[in-house]
């Protein structure tokens, strides 16, 4: 990773961690009237979505600085995989399916791979 890409990455990471911390705080205080299971599923789905958005913003900024086309294609593939996984998790939550937890786990792994550019 180039110095500029690394600097952008480290600017985005505190935002991701702050968002996750706020979501944990909100889920602990019970600010919404949903049942506990629904609240936990909603918070999990929302945290994965927000983590994906932050990772996508950071990666797009870093890719503008870095010019390696092979790495760009690799990161684009990870981005697509993470995006699809997050959509599945959100859809499962919206339908109130019991698979929400498993879908969120898959999405979390895909977002982590995208964030850390695993395999690129």
C-alpha atoms as a PDB file:
ATOM      1  CA  UNK A   1       0.000   0.000   0.000  1.00  0.00           C
ATOM      2  CA  UNK A   2       1.378   3.437  -0.859  1.00  0.00           C
ATOM      3  CA  UNK A   3       1.864   6.091   1.800  1.00  0.00           C
ATOM      4  CA  UNK A   4      -1.137   8.101   0.610  1.00  0.00           C
ATOM      5  CA  UNK A   5      -3.377   5.020   0.552  1.00  0.00           C
ATOM      6  CA  UNK A   6      -2.166   4.045   4.015  1.00  0.00           C
ATOM      7  CA  UNK A   7      -2.856   7.544   5.326  1.00  0.00           C
ATOM      8  CA  UNK A   8      -6.396   7.452   3.930  1.00  0.00           C
ATOM      9  CA  UNK A   9      -6.911   3.997   5.422  1.00  0.00           C
ATOM     10  CA  UNK A  10      -5.900   5.192   8.885  1.00  0.00           C
ATOM     11  CA  UNK A  11      -8.188   8.203   8.585  1.00  0.00           C
ATOM     12  CA  UNK A  12     -11.183   5.978   7.806  1.00  0.00           C
ATOM     13  CA  UNK A  13     -10.569   3.289  10.451  1.00  0.00           C
ATOM     14  CA  UNK A  14     -11.319   5.530  13.473  1.00  0.00           C
ATOM     15  CA  UNK A  15     -14.646   6.441  11.877  1.00  0.00           C
ATOM     16  CA  UNK A  16     -15.515   2.762  11.410  1.00  0.00           C
ATOM     17  CA  UNK A  17     -14.633   1.991  15.020  1.00  0.00           C
ATOM     18  CA  UNK A  18     -16.590   5.003  16.285  1.00  0.00           C
ATOM     19  CA  UNK A  19     -19.688   3.937  14.357  1.00  0.00           C
ATOM     20  CA  UNK A  20     -19.464   0.420  15.750  1.00  0.00           C
ATOM     21  CA  UNK A  21     -19.010   1.818  19.278  1.00  0.00           C
ATOM     22  CA  UNK A  22     -22.051   4.056  18.909  1.00  0.00           C
ATOM     23  CA  UNK A  23     -24.118   1.132  17.643  1.00  0.00           C
ATOM     24  CA  UNK A  24     -23.102  -0.949  20.640  1.00  0.00           C
ATOM     25  CA  UNK A  25     -23.979   1.919  22.964  1.00  0.00           C
ATOM     26  CA  UNK A  26     -27.383   2.401  21.336  1.00  0.00           C
ATOM     27  CA  UNK A  27     -28.146  -1.305  21.513  1.00  0.00           C
ATOM     28  CA  UNK A  28     -27.223  -1.378  25.209  1.00  0.00           C
ATOM     29  CA  UNK A  29     -29.439   1.576  26.129  1.00  0.00           C
ATOM     30  CA  UNK A  30     -32.439   0.192  24.267  1.00  0.00           C
ATOM     31  CA  UNK A  31     -33.408   3.384  22.442  1.00  0.00           C
ATOM     32  CA  UNK A  32     -35.866   1.614  20.139  1.00  0.00           C
ATOM     33  CA  UNK A  33     -39.073  -0.143  21.208  1.00  0.00           C
ATOM     34  CA  UNK A  34     -38.395  -3.339  19.212  1.00  0.00           C
ATOM     35  CA  UNK A  35     -38.131  -6.691  20.983  1.00  0.00           C
ATOM     36  CA  UNK A  36     -34.607  -7.696  22.071  1.00  0.00           C
ATOM     37  CA  UNK A  37     -34.129 -10.302  19.337  1.00  0.00           C
ATOM     38  CA  UNK A  38     -35.297  -7.847  16.698  1.00  0.00           C
ATOM     39  CA  UNK A  39     -33.084  -5.116  18.099  1.00  0.00           C
ATOM     40  CA  UNK A  40     -30.019  -7.339  18.133  1.00  0.00           C
ATOM     41  CA  UNK A  41     -30.637  -8.475  14.563  1.00  0.00           C
ATOM     42  CA  UNK A  42     -31.233  -4.909  13.409  1.00  0.00           C
ATOM     43  CA  UNK A  43     -28.080  -3.630  15.102  1.00  0.00           C
ATOM     44  CA  UNK A  44     -26.014  -6.444  13.606  1.00  0.00           C
ATOM     45  CA  UNK A  45     -27.356  -5.831  10.099  1.00  0.00           C
ATOM     46  CA  UNK A  46     -26.913  -2.080  10.433  1.00  0.00           C
ATOM     47  CA  UNK A  47     -23.374  -2.354  11.810  1.00  0.00           C
ATOM     48  CA  UNK A  48     -22.346  -4.564   8.884  1.00  0.00           C
ATOM     49  CA  UNK A  49     -23.868  -2.082   6.429  1.00  0.00           C
ATOM     50  CA  UNK A  50     -22.084   0.874   8.009  1.00  0.00           C
ATOM     51  CA  UNK A  51     -18.770  -0.988   8.195  1.00  0.00           C
ATOM     52  CA  UNK A  52     -19.133  -1.838   4.494  1.00  0.00           C
ATOM     53  CA  UNK A  53     -19.866   1.786   3.596  1.00  0.00           C
ATOM     54  CA  UNK A  54     -16.841   3.036   5.520  1.00  0.00           C
ATOM     55  CA  UNK A  55     -14.600   0.373   3.973  1.00  0.00           C
ATOM     56  CA  UNK A  56     -15.901   1.223   0.499  1.00  0.00           C
ATOM     57  CA  UNK A  57     -15.238   4.940   0.959  1.00  0.00           C
ATOM     58  CA  UNK A  58     -11.722   4.287   2.234  1.00  0.00           C
ATOM     59  CA  UNK A  59     -10.932   1.803  -0.525  1.00  0.00           C
ATOM     60  CA  UNK A  60     -12.235   4.083  -3.266  1.00  0.00           C
ATOM     61  CA  UNK A  61     -10.095   6.915  -1.964  1.00  0.00           C
ATOM     62  CA  UNK A  62      -7.046   4.651  -1.759  1.00  0.00           C
ATOM     63  CA  UNK A  63      -7.634   3.266  -5.264  1.00  0.00           C
ATOM     64  CA  UNK A  64      -7.583   6.757  -6.731  1.00  0.00           C
ATOM     65  CA  UNK A  65      -4.055   7.138  -5.398  1.00  0.00           C
ATOM     66  CA  UNK A  66      -2.840   3.644  -6.309  1.00  0.00           C
ATOM     67  CA  UNK A  67      -2.618   2.779  -9.998  1.00  0.00           C
ATOM     68  CA  UNK A  68      -1.981  -0.994 -10.128  1.00  0.00           C
ATOM     69  CA  UNK A  69      -4.744  -2.423 -12.391  1.00  0.00           C
ATOM     70  CA  UNK A  70      -4.396  -5.984 -11.053  1.00  0.00           C
ATOM     71  CA  UNK A  71      -4.886  -4.799  -7.482  1.00  0.00           C
ATOM     72  CA  UNK A  72      -7.831  -2.644  -8.580  1.00  0.00           C
ATOM     73  CA  UNK A  73      -9.580  -5.667 -10.113  1.00  0.00           C
ATOM     74  CA  UNK A  74      -8.901  -7.749  -7.018  1.00  0.00           C
ATOM     75  CA  UNK A  75     -10.308  -5.069  -4.702  1.00  0.00           C
ATOM     76  CA  UNK A  76     -13.293  -4.579  -7.017  1.00  0.00           C
ATOM     77  CA  UNK A  77     -14.031  -8.306  -6.709  1.00  0.00           C
ATOM     78  CA  UNK A  78     -13.841  -8.135  -2.916  1.00  0.00           C
ATOM     79  CA  UNK A  79     -16.080  -5.065  -2.985  1.00  0.00           C
ATOM     80  CA  UNK A  80     -18.700  -6.850  -5.075  1.00  0.00           C
ATOM     81  CA  UNK A  81     -18.645  -9.909  -2.802  1.00  0.00           C
ATOM     82  CA  UNK A  82     -19.000  -7.762   0.337  1.00  0.00           C
ATOM     83  CA  UNK A  83     -21.796  -5.705  -1.221  1.00  0.00           C
ATOM     84  CA  UNK A  84     -23.785  -8.815  -2.163  1.00  0.00           C
ATOM     85  CA  UNK A  85     -23.312 -10.340   1.306  1.00  0.00           C
ATOM     86  CA  UNK A  86     -24.474  -7.138   3.008  1.00  0.00           C
ATOM     87  CA  UNK A  87     -27.555  -7.012   0.748  1.00  0.00           C
ATOM     88  CA  UNK A  88     -28.441 -10.608   1.669  1.00  0.00           C
ATOM     89  CA  UNK A  89     -28.058  -9.873   5.403  1.00  0.00           C
ATOM     90  CA  UNK A  90     -30.212  -6.754   5.155  1.00  0.00           C
ATOM     91  CA  UNK A  91     -32.894  -8.565   3.142  1.00  0.00           C
ATOM     92  CA  UNK A  92     -32.975 -11.399   5.697  1.00  0.00           C
ATOM     93  CA  UNK A  93     -33.443  -8.881   8.488  1.00  0.00           C
ATOM     94  CA  UNK A  94     -36.150  -7.003   6.561  1.00  0.00           C
ATOM     95  CA  UNK A  95     -38.075 -10.260   6.097  1.00  0.00           C
ATOM     96  CA  UNK A  96     -37.478 -11.148   9.778  1.00  0.00           C
ATOM     97  CA  UNK A  97     -35.918 -14.457   8.787  1.00  0.00           C
ATOM     98  CA  UNK A  98     -34.185 -16.671  11.294  1.00  0.00           C
ATOM     99  CA  UNK A  99     -31.108 -16.788   9.043  1.00  0.00           C
ATOM    100  CA  UNK A 100     -30.250 -13.151   9.785  1.00  0.00           C
ATOM    101  CA  UNK A 101     -27.488 -14.066  12.247  1.00  0.00           C
ATOM    102  CA  UNK A 102     -25.794 -16.430   9.794  1.00  0.00           C
ATOM    103  CA  UNK A 103     -26.147 -13.936   6.946  1.00  0.00           C
ATOM    104  CA  UNK A 104     -24.614 -11.207   9.112  1.00  0.00           C
ATOM    105  CA  UNK A 105     -21.675 -13.509   9.943  1.00  0.00           C
ATOM    106  CA  UNK A 106     -21.062 -14.124   6.229  1.00  0.00           C
ATOM    107  CA  UNK A 107     -21.362 -10.408   5.492  1.00  0.00           C
ATOM    108  CA  UNK A 108     -18.992  -9.525   8.335  1.00  0.00           C
ATOM    109  CA  UNK A 109     -16.355 -11.903   6.934  1.00  0.00           C
ATOM    110  CA  UNK A 110     -16.789 -10.486   3.429  1.00  0.00           C
ATOM    111  CA  UNK A 111     -16.525  -6.895   4.687  1.00  0.00           C
ATOM    112  CA  UNK A 112     -13.397  -7.789   6.686  1.00  0.00           C
ATOM    113  CA  UNK A 113     -11.813  -9.356   3.605  1.00  0.00           C
ATOM    114  CA  UNK A 114     -12.670  -6.208   1.640  1.00  0.00           C
ATOM    115  CA  UNK A 115     -11.388  -3.897   4.367  1.00  0.00           C
ATOM    116  CA  UNK A 116      -8.077  -5.718   4.769  1.00  0.00           C
ATOM    117  CA  UNK A 117      -7.848  -6.492   1.017  1.00  0.00           C
ATOM    118  CA  UNK A 118      -7.326 -10.185   1.717  1.00  0.00           C
ATOM    119  CA  UNK A 119      -5.683 -11.901  -1.232  1.00  0.00           C
ATOM    120  CA  UNK A 120      -4.809  -8.737  -3.159  1.00  0.00           C
END
